[in-house]
């Protein structure tokens, strides 16, 4: 969502200025173009040379270039940018922004900015909770400035550590969400996504499961959020980091039964569903309350079929809703996937085969074939984030 975006990054005189290096790296990795504007005191904490090396642009700090007397136009910067992000933003800079005290290049750039402005405050707790700071924050919010709430220290209790600047990764997520809500093509969509494996308990220690990591489903959730959709993610046991977004609502489950109950209750409120989870087909008839001991040469397990989530949601689907399923096959893949498409009343099914190198469980790539009633389209091997984009572009064109 940040690809091609022009970001003016304002840096002020805070010890958190060192985090600007990570912030710049993440923004550029997302495809953004970054121009740094730094206050004189900001240069006491981090050097313009470092920032310029990261952005490949001269850092703007003074009104005039001391070498040749050329003028740095804050007006041009205000017209150039798609957004202005001030991180870290001190209490002093907040006060100057709120009251129009244009005594440095950063504030004059802010006052000339035509694009949206986001601020990540950074200060100690006493300064942050002071009535003057809170008044300034409220005044800026009333003027349309987005405040990225500070984080808390690792040992924080109540408000302890509350004033420290939010982590760069979260700031980038908030900026991405900001653009998604304004420009994302999936704004207004609410998508149910199931992801990850399910664990079917045998006893307090053991379970029947599969090798799913949840990477594909989470990539779909991340891309949906980046495009402005609200996502209901029903997630089986996995440890993959989730996007930090108010658009993402996660329901954690363990078993196929829990996933069935969550998915069927959430789908009626959604515009579409993507069934990406690797749900167990069978579950033990009973779960022992104590660990099963090895007392014989063999163990017989009595299993019963789980409820088919995709089929159940296919029956719930109205003419205004769409449903996409996944089919992981080991043989006769196309035939089995096409049968599932019809039997489960899907609008689209994404097929992949474990026999394809680089596809399947616990890898960062996937090779899929997208199947609809009138088309079969095989895609090349790609990373799962790219696959997620391809799926969404075809499922919700």
Foldseek 3Di string as FASTA:
>chain_A
DQAAFEEEEEEEQDLCLVLVLVLLQVSVVVRYQYAYEYEPNRCVNPPQVSVCVSRVDRHHWAQADPPPRDGDDLLVVQVPGQEYEYPADELVNLLCLLVVVPPISVSSNVVNHPHAYEYFYADAQVSCPDPSSVVSVVSVVVVRYHYDFADADPPDDDCHRRRHTHRSLLVVLVVLLVCLQVPFPCAPFEEEFEFEKAWFAQEPPHTDIDQAQRLLRQLLVSVCSSSHYQYEYEYEDHDDDHRDDPSYHYHYDHALVVSLVVCVVPVVVGQEYEYHYHHDQKHFPDHYHDDDDPPDPDDDTHIDGDDDNLLVVLVVDDPRHAYEYEAEEAPPFVVVQVVCCVNSVHQKYKYFYPVDPQDDHDHQKHWIWIDGPPDIRTDDIDGSSVVSVVVCVVRPD
